[in-house]
Amino acid sequence: MKRVVSISDAALEELDEVSAYLAIEGSPEAADRWLAVMLLAIHGLHSMPERCPLALEEQFNLSKGKPRLRQLIVGNYRVIFTVKGRAVRVLHVRHAARRPLTPEELG
């Protein structure tokens, strides 16, 4: 079953921030390549998103009925998302070296 993938405003902002940083510190071409790879991987979640393991932040997701927090590793980045029915919602994109999100940051 193909899923509909959406990206939260927070995740879009995080993608923009990393892309801008890479354009300044590296090159605009490197930033464009990174963003293209990330978006391709994110939109690839339309097929079998459950193949991805639970995210580190799942330990904070204790409410019954809440979708499980999963993560897709893309290079040095973690794409944190949920799956509910036919919907995949990307919540955050974080460098893997960063600490896990707190419950407050998850919203």
Protein backbone atom coordinates (compact mmCIF):
# COMPACT_ATOMS: atom_id res chain seq x y z
CA MET A 1 0.00 0.00 0.00
CA LYS A 2 1.41 3.37 -1.00
CA ARG A 3 1.29 6.04 1.66
CA VAL A 4 0.94 9.80 1.45
CA VAL A 5 4.05 11.52 2.81
CA SER A 6 3.85 14.99 4.33
CA ILE A 7 6.56 17.09 5.92
CA SER A 8 5.91 19.25 8.98
CA ASP A 9 6.84 22.92 9.07
CA ALA A 10 9.50 22.12 11.68
CA ALA A 11 11.11 19.49 9.43
CA LEU A 12 11.00 21.84 6.43
CA GLU A 13 12.70 24.52 8.51
CA GLU A 14 15.37 22.03 9.62
CA LEU A 15 15.98 20.98 6.01
CA ASP A 16 16.32 24.65 5.00
CA GLU A 17 18.73 25.38 7.87
CA VAL A 18 21.06 22.51 7.01
CA SER A 19 20.91 23.31 3.32
CA ALA A 20 21.77 26.99 3.99
CA TYR A 21 24.66 25.96 6.25
CA LEU A 22 26.04 23.59 3.61
CA ALA A 23 25.75 26.28 0.93
CA ILE A 24 27.81 28.70 3.06
CA GLU A 25 30.35 26.25 4.50
CA GLY A 26 30.64 24.02 1.46
CA SER A 27 29.07 25.01 -1.81
CA PRO A 28 25.60 25.66 -3.20
CA GLU A 29 25.98 22.54 -5.35
CA ALA A 30 26.73 20.40 -2.28
CA ALA A 31 23.69 21.86 -0.52
CA ASP A 32 21.50 21.12 -3.54
CA ARG A 33 22.77 17.52 -3.72
CA TRP A 34 22.21 16.98 0.00
CA LEU A 35 18.68 18.35 -0.17
CA ALA A 36 17.85 16.24 -3.23
CA VAL A 37 19.08 13.07 -1.49
CA MET A 38 17.11 13.90 1.67
CA LEU A 39 13.88 14.63 -0.20
CA LEU A 40 14.22 11.48 -2.31
CA ALA A 41 14.68 9.40 0.85
CA ILE A 42 11.79 11.14 2.62
CA HIS A 43 9.41 10.65 -0.28
CA GLY A 44 10.57 7.02 -0.48
CA LEU A 45 8.75 6.49 2.82
CA HIS A 46 5.56 6.13 0.78
CA SER A 47 6.53 2.47 0.46
CA MET A 48 6.99 0.29 3.54
CA PRO A 49 7.75 2.97 6.16
CA GLU A 50 7.46 0.32 8.90
CA ARG A 51 10.77 -1.09 7.68
CA CYS A 52 12.42 1.72 9.63
CA PRO A 53 13.27 1.15 13.30
CA LEU A 54 11.72 2.98 16.19
CA ALA A 55 13.35 6.32 16.96
CA LEU A 56 15.27 7.01 20.16
CA GLU A 57 12.49 9.42 21.08
CA GLU A 58 9.91 6.60 21.16
CA GLN A 59 10.74 6.21 24.86
CA PHE A 60 8.83 9.47 25.48
CA ASN A 61 5.85 8.45 23.34
CA LEU A 62 3.96 6.54 26.00
CA SER A 63 0.39 7.62 25.26
CA LYS A 64 -1.85 4.88 23.97
CA GLY A 65 -3.19 5.55 20.52
CA LYS A 66 -0.31 7.82 19.52
CA PRO A 67 1.52 6.76 16.35
CA ARG A 68 4.95 5.24 16.99
CA LEU A 69 7.99 7.41 16.34
CA ARG A 70 10.25 5.90 13.68
CA GLN A 71 13.50 7.01 12.14
CA LEU A 72 15.05 6.77 8.72
CA ILE A 73 18.83 7.17 8.62
CA VAL A 74 20.08 9.12 5.61
CA GLY A 75 23.83 9.62 5.71
CA ASN A 76 24.53 11.43 8.99
CA TYR A 77 20.92 12.51 9.50
CA ARG A 78 17.86 11.03 11.17
CA VAL A 79 14.43 11.61 9.69
CA ILE A 80 11.91 11.22 12.52
CA PHE A 81 8.39 10.35 11.41
CA THR A 82 5.11 8.67 12.27
CA VAL A 83 2.84 6.34 10.34
CA LYS A 84 -0.91 6.47 10.82
CA GLY A 85 -3.07 4.60 8.34
CA ARG A 86 -2.04 5.74 4.87
CA ALA A 87 -0.31 8.88 6.19
CA VAL A 88 3.42 9.27 6.86
CA ARG A 89 4.25 12.49 8.68
CA VAL A 90 7.87 13.65 8.85
CA LEU A 91 8.29 15.54 12.12
CA HIS A 92 12.01 16.38 12.30
CA VAL A 93 15.32 16.05 10.48
CA ARG A 94 18.35 16.01 12.80
CA HIS A 95 22.04 15.29 12.56
CA ALA A 96 22.65 11.89 14.12
CA ALA A 97 25.32 13.30 16.46
CA ARG A 98 22.78 15.57 18.15
CA ARG A 99 21.07 14.50 21.34
CA PRO A 100 17.59 12.97 21.01
CA LEU A 101 14.65 15.35 21.04
CA THR A 102 13.02 16.03 24.40
CA PRO A 103 9.30 15.45 24.92
CA GLU A 104 8.80 19.24 24.78
CA GLU A 105 10.56 19.48 21.42
CA LEU A 106 8.42 16.67 20.05
CA GLY A 107 5.31 18.69 20.82
